[in-house]
């Protein structure tokens, strides 16, 4: 995995205090980029951003992406070369609780970032991240392709489908001529990894249950999701941005970044895999690791969530040269390893070790 173009580039990451944004900021800093962050304050002190201290190694701007004037001020001050847009309201259940806020963040916020890119001539490439849930989900047994219709049953999913339409509109209206920024969107599946403490997400719920020695309650254990470790799609975003920088006319479009078919598993199977790993490897400071269990609390009246959702990643494999390398077992183990070690080690070094391990695996499995 050669990511040479980021060295000494000014790279702006929105949502840098969040789970994926913090991991991406650490990776970019490791690649030699001059990183700027634009986002709200971190929600969790044990999350990757706060625990790693990466904010002290980058320009850290606290800004609501719904505030266009504030966003424009950051772009004007920093004059970035490359932009990664990850700031979002990222939870399905929070979308049900606050639909208007979710639409405002994920649609108007995305439009504001695109407007800032349009008005900042220094920007040459931008990757705007949405989700696999942007598609009109028919519960098909095959993966969605980038050309399938946008949609979304719930407010979060619909807001991401709408964000994709906004990105497409800006690309065709303002970024289709030579000399303008190259704009692409990245659609990723269910991402897991160390340092995620969000509410209503499976892995953080597993960790909290293990820490407390409590039985985990699962809403939809039979639902099938495309699980991938956080470094997999981030590697895809980085490769895509590099391609946009080098060949802007060929890659300014939408791209799926999901796992291989053998990483698509039931929620219940994921929980079982984590509990088994903790039983074998967790130390004494995780008291519930030996006895953890779960129970099904599915409720027919609970808000709708997709039962089956998969991505077709053929385009990224054949045109971008990106392919996931971690199988399901490795994805679980790398994630669980972070939670076992983070309270006893330097978190920035731990994240860097996981990124380096992934780069080594990617090179050995994709370039030979």
Protein backbone atom coordinates (compact mmCIF):
# COMPACT_ATOMS: atom_id res chain seq x y z
CA UNK A 1 0.00 0.00 0.00
CA UNK A 2 1.87 3.04 -1.33
CA UNK A 3 0.37 6.33 -0.10
CA UNK A 4 3.20 8.67 -1.02
CA UNK A 5 1.30 11.80 -2.02
CA UNK A 6 0.19 12.76 1.50
CA UNK A 7 3.65 13.64 2.75
CA UNK A 8 3.74 17.39 3.50
CA UNK A 9 0.24 17.93 2.05
CA UNK A 10 -2.27 20.04 3.96
CA UNK A 11 -5.16 17.67 4.65
CA UNK A 12 -8.42 18.70 6.30
CA UNK A 13 -10.54 16.05 8.06
CA UNK A 14 -14.07 16.89 9.15
CA UNK A 15 -15.33 14.86 12.09
CA UNK A 16 -11.75 14.37 13.30
CA UNK A 17 -12.86 13.94 16.92
CA UNK A 18 -15.09 10.99 16.03
CA UNK A 19 -14.18 7.32 15.78
CA UNK A 20 -13.28 7.05 12.08
CA UNK A 21 -12.05 10.63 11.84
CA UNK A 22 -9.54 10.16 14.68
CA UNK A 23 -8.17 6.94 13.18
CA UNK A 24 -7.84 8.69 9.81
CA UNK A 25 -6.07 11.66 11.40
CA UNK A 26 -3.57 9.33 13.09
CA UNK A 27 -2.88 7.55 9.80
CA UNK A 28 -2.47 10.80 7.87
CA UNK A 29 -0.08 12.19 10.49
CA UNK A 30 1.88 8.94 10.23
CA UNK A 31 2.08 9.49 6.45
CA UNK A 32 3.64 12.92 6.97
CA UNK A 33 0.57 15.03 6.22
CA UNK A 34 -0.06 18.38 7.89
CA UNK A 35 -3.48 17.57 9.31
CA UNK A 36 -6.28 19.98 10.16
CA UNK A 37 -9.42 18.87 11.97
CA UNK A 38 -12.86 20.48 11.78
CA UNK A 39 -15.57 19.16 14.07
CA UNK A 40 -17.37 19.22 17.39
CA UNK A 41 -15.74 18.25 20.66
CA UNK A 42 -15.18 14.54 21.39
CA UNK A 43 -18.03 12.71 23.12
CA UNK A 44 -15.93 10.11 24.96
CA UNK A 45 -12.70 10.63 26.90
CA UNK A 46 -11.69 7.01 26.24
CA UNK A 47 -12.33 7.39 22.51
CA UNK A 48 -9.48 7.36 20.01
CA UNK A 49 -9.22 11.14 19.66
CA UNK A 50 -8.91 11.98 23.36
CA UNK A 51 -7.04 8.86 24.47
CA UNK A 52 -4.42 9.12 21.70
CA UNK A 53 -3.74 12.83 22.05
CA UNK A 54 -3.76 13.18 18.26
CA UNK A 55 -5.43 16.58 18.62
CA UNK A 56 -2.16 17.96 19.99
CA UNK A 57 -0.38 16.95 16.79
CA UNK A 58 -2.73 18.69 14.35
CA UNK A 59 -4.62 21.96 13.89
CA UNK A 60 -7.80 21.36 15.92
CA UNK A 61 -10.79 23.54 14.97
CA UNK A 62 -14.07 23.08 16.86
CA UNK A 63 -16.81 23.90 14.39
CA UNK A 64 -20.38 22.83 13.60
CA UNK A 65 -20.64 21.94 9.92
CA UNK A 66 -24.17 23.42 9.88
CA UNK A 67 -22.54 26.86 10.35
CA UNK A 68 -21.41 27.81 6.84
CA UNK A 69 -19.60 30.98 7.92
CA UNK A 70 -17.57 29.07 10.50
CA UNK A 71 -16.73 26.33 7.98
CA UNK A 72 -15.63 28.91 5.40
CA UNK A 73 -13.41 30.61 7.99
CA UNK A 74 -11.55 27.35 8.70
CA UNK A 75 -11.04 26.64 4.99
CA UNK A 76 -9.86 30.22 4.42
CA UNK A 77 -7.36 29.99 7.28
CA UNK A 78 -5.99 26.55 6.46
CA UNK A 79 -6.10 26.43 2.62
CA UNK A 80 -6.11 22.60 2.47
CA UNK A 81 -4.90 20.58 -0.51
CA UNK A 82 -7.08 17.53 0.23
CA UNK A 83 -10.34 17.17 2.18
CA UNK A 84 -11.89 14.12 3.85
CA UNK A 85 -15.47 14.76 4.99
CA UNK A 86 -16.53 12.38 7.78
CA UNK A 87 -18.50 14.68 10.12
CA UNK A 88 -22.05 13.34 10.45
CA UNK A 89 -24.88 12.17 12.65
CA UNK A 90 -23.99 8.51 12.24
CA UNK A 91 -26.55 6.45 14.18
CA UNK A 92 -29.85 5.01 12.93
CA UNK A 93 -31.57 5.22 16.33
CA UNK A 94 -30.45 8.81 16.89
CA UNK A 95 -31.95 9.57 13.50
CA UNK A 96 -35.31 8.34 14.75
CA UNK A 97 -34.97 10.47 17.89
CA UNK A 98 -33.92 13.66 16.08
CA UNK A 99 -34.83 13.43 12.39
CA UNK A 100 -34.66 17.17 11.71
CA UNK A 101 -31.21 17.45 13.29
CA UNK A 102 -30.02 14.38 11.40
CA UNK A 103 -31.13 15.81 8.06
CA UNK A 104 -29.57 19.18 8.88
CA UNK A 105 -26.18 17.69 9.75
CA UNK A 106 -25.99 15.10 7.00
CA UNK A 107 -27.48 17.13 4.14
CA UNK A 108 -26.95 20.84 4.82
CA UNK A 109 -23.67 20.05 6.56
CA UNK A 110 -22.47 18.16 3.50
CA UNK A 111 -23.59 21.01 1.23
CA UNK A 112 -21.64 23.46 3.41
CA UNK A 113 -18.44 21.41 3.08
CA UNK A 114 -18.91 21.23 -0.69
CA UNK A 115 -19.52 24.98 -0.80
CA UNK A 116 -16.31 25.57 1.14
CA UNK A 117 -14.43 23.33 -1.30
CA UNK A 118 -15.96 25.26 -4.22
CA UNK A 119 -14.77 28.56 -2.75
CA UNK A 120 -11.27 27.36 -1.80
CA UNK A 121 -9.03 27.07 -4.89
CA UNK A 122 -6.29 25.24 -2.96
CA UNK A 123 -8.41 22.07 -2.72
CA UNK A 124 -7.52 19.59 -5.45
CA UNK A 125 -9.17 16.40 -4.15
CA UNK A 126 -11.94 15.53 -1.71
CA UNK A 127 -13.47 12.28 -0.47
CA UNK A 128 -16.89 12.66 1.13
CA UNK A 129 -17.94 9.67 3.22
CA UNK A 130 -21.54 8.43 3.40
CA UNK A 131 -22.66 4.86 4.14
CA UNK A 132 -23.91 1.61 2.66
CA UNK A 133 -27.34 2.59 4.03
CA UNK A 134 -27.67 5.29 1.35
CA UNK A 135 -29.15 2.70 -1.03
CA UNK A 136 -32.86 1.92 -1.40
CA UNK A 137 -32.63 -1.37 0.47
CA UNK A 138 -34.69 -4.21 -1.01
CA UNK A 139 -33.18 -6.84 1.32
CA UNK A 140 -31.57 -8.42 -1.75
CA UNK A 141 -29.17 -11.35 -1.31
CA UNK A 142 -26.56 -9.68 -3.51
CA UNK A 143 -24.56 -6.53 -2.92
CA UNK A 144 -25.58 -3.04 -3.99
CA UNK A 145 -23.60 -1.42 -6.76
CA UNK A 146 -22.70 2.25 -7.05
CA UNK A 147 -25.29 2.68 -9.83
CA UNK A 148 -28.23 1.40 -7.73
CA UNK A 149 -30.86 3.94 -6.61
CA UNK A 150 -30.45 6.02 -3.47
CA UNK A 151 -33.10 5.72 -0.79
CA UNK A 152 -33.47 5.02 2.91
CA UNK A 153 -36.33 3.83 5.12
CA UNK A 154 -35.25 5.67 8.29
CA UNK A 155 -34.16 9.33 8.65
CA UNK A 156 -30.45 8.50 8.99
CA UNK A 157 -30.38 6.33 5.87
CA UNK A 158 -32.49 8.80 3.88
CA UNK A 159 -30.24 11.68 4.95
CA UNK A 160 -27.22 9.80 3.60
CA UNK A 161 -29.00 9.02 0.33
CA UNK A 162 -29.81 12.72 0.07
CA UNK A 163 -26.17 13.60 0.82
CA UNK A 164 -25.10 11.45 -2.13
CA UNK A 165 -27.48 13.38 -4.39
CA UNK A 166 -26.01 16.66 -3.11
CA UNK A 167 -22.47 15.42 -3.80
CA UNK A 168 -23.47 14.35 -7.31
CA UNK A 169 -25.14 17.69 -7.97
CA UNK A 170 -22.09 19.69 -6.87
CA UNK A 171 -19.78 17.43 -8.87
CA UNK A 172 -21.74 17.94 -12.09
CA UNK A 173 -22.46 21.63 -11.52
CA UNK A 174 -19.12 22.92 -10.20
CA UNK A 175 -16.39 20.25 -10.34
CA UNK A 176 -16.63 18.81 -13.85
CA UNK A 177 -14.23 21.18 -15.62
CA UNK A 178 -10.41 20.90 -15.78
CA UNK A 179 -8.71 22.68 -12.93
CA UNK A 180 -11.54 22.20 -10.44
CA UNK A 181 -11.36 19.90 -7.43
CA UNK A 182 -11.88 16.16 -7.99
CA UNK A 183 -14.81 15.03 -5.81
CA UNK A 184 -15.65 11.43 -4.89
CA UNK A 185 -17.88 9.73 -2.33
CA UNK A 186 -17.07 6.65 -0.28
CA UNK A 187 -19.77 4.25 0.93
CA UNK A 188 -18.66 1.89 3.69
CA UNK A 189 -20.36 -0.94 5.54
CA UNK A 190 -20.54 -1.63 9.28
CA UNK A 191 -17.19 -0.46 10.66
CA UNK A 192 -15.76 -1.74 13.93
CA UNK A 193 -12.44 -1.21 15.66
CA UNK A 194 -10.77 -0.05 18.84
CA UNK A 195 -11.84 3.19 20.47
CA UNK A 196 -15.50 3.31 19.48
CA UNK A 197 -17.65 4.10 22.54
CA UNK A 198 -20.82 5.30 20.81
CA UNK A 199 -24.19 4.35 22.22
CA UNK A 200 -26.38 1.87 20.36
CA UNK A 201 -23.44 0.29 18.54
CA UNK A 202 -22.68 -3.39 18.84
CA UNK A 203 -18.98 -3.46 19.73
CA UNK A 204 -19.13 -0.68 22.37
CA UNK A 205 -22.12 -2.49 23.91
CA UNK A 206 -20.10 -5.73 23.97
CA UNK A 207 -17.17 -4.00 25.68
CA UNK A 208 -19.38 -2.33 28.28
CA UNK A 209 -21.02 -5.67 29.07
CA UNK A 210 -17.61 -7.34 29.46
CA UNK A 211 -16.31 -4.53 31.66
CA UNK A 212 -19.35 -4.66 33.92
CA UNK A 213 -19.79 -8.43 33.92
CA UNK A 214 -23.37 -8.01 32.67
CA UNK A 215 -25.49 -9.87 30.14
CA UNK A 216 -25.60 -8.07 26.81
CA UNK A 217 -29.02 -7.28 25.37
CA UNK A 218 -29.25 -7.49 21.56
CA UNK A 219 -32.09 -5.99 19.53
CA UNK A 220 -31.63 -7.85 16.22
CA UNK A 221 -29.33 -10.88 16.57
CA UNK A 222 -30.38 -12.37 13.21
CA UNK A 223 -29.63 -9.22 11.18
CA UNK A 224 -26.78 -9.66 8.69
CA UNK A 225 -24.22 -6.89 8.25
CA UNK A 226 -20.99 -6.43 6.23
CA UNK A 227 -18.45 -6.17 9.09
CA UNK A 228 -15.06 -4.57 8.49
CA UNK A 229 -12.28 -3.19 10.64
CA UNK A 230 -12.01 0.61 10.57
CA UNK A 231 -8.62 0.58 8.81
CA UNK A 232 -10.08 -1.24 5.79
CA UNK A 233 -12.34 1.56 4.48
CA UNK A 234 -9.90 4.23 5.67
CA UNK A 235 -7.25 2.62 3.49
CA UNK A 236 -9.76 2.78 0.65
CA UNK A 237 -10.45 6.47 1.25
CA UNK A 238 -6.72 7.20 1.26
CA UNK A 239 -6.15 5.26 -1.96
CA UNK A 240 -9.10 7.03 -3.56
CA UNK A 241 -7.81 10.48 -2.56
CA UNK A 242 -4.40 9.62 -4.00
CA UNK A 243 -5.99 8.54 -7.27
CA UNK A 244 -8.05 11.76 -7.36
CA UNK A 245 -4.86 13.76 -6.87
CA UNK A 246 -2.94 11.95 -9.60
CA UNK A 247 -5.73 11.30 -12.14
CA UNK A 248 -8.70 13.54 -11.29
CA UNK A 249 -10.67 12.78 -14.46
CA UNK A 250 -10.83 9.01 -13.86
CA UNK A 251 -11.95 8.60 -10.25
CA UNK A 252 -14.35 11.45 -9.39
CA UNK A 253 -17.41 9.31 -8.69
CA UNK A 254 -18.97 7.06 -6.03
CA UNK A 255 -17.15 4.04 -4.56
CA UNK A 256 -18.20 1.16 -2.30
CA UNK A 257 -15.78 0.00 0.42
CA UNK A 258 -17.06 -3.14 2.08
CA UNK A 259 -15.75 -6.51 3.22
CA UNK A 260 -15.44 -9.72 1.29
CA UNK A 261 -18.50 -12.02 1.44
CA UNK A 262 -17.01 -14.13 4.25
CA UNK A 263 -17.16 -11.09 6.59
CA UNK A 264 -20.95 -10.81 6.31
CA UNK A 265 -22.32 -12.33 9.49
CA UNK A 266 -25.30 -12.29 11.81
CA UNK A 267 -25.11 -9.88 14.75
CA UNK A 268 -25.36 -12.84 17.14
CA UNK A 269 -22.37 -14.54 15.51
CA UNK A 270 -20.28 -11.38 15.94
CA UNK A 271 -21.12 -11.22 19.63
CA UNK A 272 -20.21 -14.89 20.07
CA UNK A 273 -16.86 -14.36 18.34
CA UNK A 274 -15.97 -11.43 20.62
CA UNK A 275 -16.98 -13.26 23.79
CA UNK A 276 -14.92 -16.28 22.75
CA UNK A 277 -11.85 -14.13 22.15
CA UNK A 278 -12.23 -12.38 25.49
CA UNK A 279 -12.63 -15.70 27.31
CA UNK A 280 -9.32 -16.84 25.89
CA UNK A 281 -7.27 -13.64 26.00
CA UNK A 282 -8.69 -10.96 28.31
CA UNK A 283 -6.76 -10.14 31.52
CA UNK A 284 -8.12 -9.65 35.00
CA UNK A 285 -9.05 -5.98 34.52
CA UNK A 286 -11.98 -7.13 32.35
CA UNK A 287 -13.99 -9.00 34.99
CA UNK A 288 -16.80 -10.14 32.71
CA UNK A 289 -14.56 -11.67 30.06
CA UNK A 290 -14.96 -15.21 31.38
CA UNK A 291 -18.71 -15.17 32.00
CA UNK A 292 -20.17 -12.74 29.43
CA UNK A 293 -23.32 -13.77 27.62
CA UNK A 294 -26.19 -12.23 25.69
CA UNK A 295 -29.93 -12.43 25.34
CA UNK A 296 -32.31 -11.52 22.56
CA UNK A 297 -34.49 -8.49 23.38
CA UNK A 298 -36.00 -8.09 19.91
CA UNK A 299 -39.28 -6.19 19.97
CA UNK A 300 -41.66 -6.15 16.97
CA UNK A 301 -42.48 -2.54 17.88
CA UNK A 302 -38.87 -1.34 17.80
CA UNK A 303 -37.85 1.14 15.07
CA UNK A 304 -37.16 -0.44 11.68
CA UNK A 305 -33.59 -1.42 10.87
CA UNK A 306 -32.42 -3.32 7.81
CA UNK A 307 -32.25 -7.08 8.21
CA UNK A 308 -29.87 -7.70 5.29
CA UNK A 309 -27.50 -5.23 3.67
CA UNK A 310 -24.47 -5.98 1.50
CA UNK A 311 -22.18 -4.05 -0.82
CA UNK A 312 -20.69 -5.03 -4.17
CA UNK A 313 -17.06 -3.88 -4.05
CA UNK A 314 -16.08 -5.13 -7.53
CA UNK A 315 -15.55 -1.60 -8.82
CA UNK A 316 -13.04 -0.68 -6.09
CA UNK A 317 -11.20 -3.97 -6.57
CA UNK A 318 -10.87 -3.79 -10.35
CA UNK A 319 -10.56 -0.05 -10.98
CA UNK A 320 -9.08 1.37 -7.80
CA UNK A 321 -6.82 -1.54 -6.90
CA UNK A 322 -8.23 -1.70 -3.36
CA UNK A 323 -9.21 -4.98 -1.75
CA UNK A 324 -9.91 -5.80 1.91
CA UNK A 325 -7.42 -8.13 3.53
CA UNK A 326 -8.76 -8.92 7.02
CA UNK A 327 -11.01 -11.93 7.37
CA UNK A 328 -13.76 -12.11 10.01
CA UNK A 329 -11.53 -13.70 12.64
CA UNK A 330 -8.78 -11.10 12.15
CA UNK A 331 -11.31 -8.26 12.22
CA UNK A 332 -12.64 -9.42 15.59
CA UNK A 333 -9.20 -10.11 17.02
CA UNK A 334 -7.70 -6.75 16.03
CA UNK A 335 -10.69 -4.92 17.49
CA UNK A 336 -10.74 -6.89 20.73
CA UNK A 337 -6.96 -6.53 21.11
CA UNK A 338 -7.30 -2.73 21.20
CA UNK A 339 -9.85 -2.84 24.03
CA UNK A 340 -7.76 -5.30 26.01
CA UNK A 341 -4.61 -3.17 25.74
CA UNK A 342 -5.72 0.48 25.60
CA UNK A 343 -5.93 1.14 29.34
CA UNK A 344 -2.42 -0.25 29.92
CA UNK A 345 -0.53 1.22 26.94
CA UNK A 346 0.08 4.43 24.99
CA UNK A 347 -3.02 4.67 22.79
CA UNK A 348 -1.35 6.60 19.96
CA UNK A 349 1.36 3.95 19.72
CA UNK A 350 -1.28 1.20 19.87
CA UNK A 351 -3.22 2.72 16.96
CA UNK A 352 -0.03 3.19 14.98
CA UNK A 353 0.88 -0.47 15.58
CA UNK A 354 -2.51 -1.59 14.25
CA UNK A 355 -2.18 0.64 11.18
CA UNK A 356 1.34 -0.62 10.49
CA UNK A 357 0.20 -4.23 10.96
CA UNK A 358 -2.59 -3.64 8.45
CA UNK A 359 -0.25 -2.02 5.91
CA UNK A 360 2.12 -5.00 6.19
CA UNK A 361 -0.73 -7.47 5.67
CA UNK A 362 -2.09 -5.45 2.75
CA UNK A 363 1.29 -5.40 1.02
CA UNK A 364 1.88 -9.11 1.51
CA UNK A 365 -1.58 -10.16 0.34
CA UNK A 366 -2.28 -7.68 -2.47
CA UNK A 367 1.05 -6.85 -4.06
CA UNK A 368 2.63 -10.29 -4.46
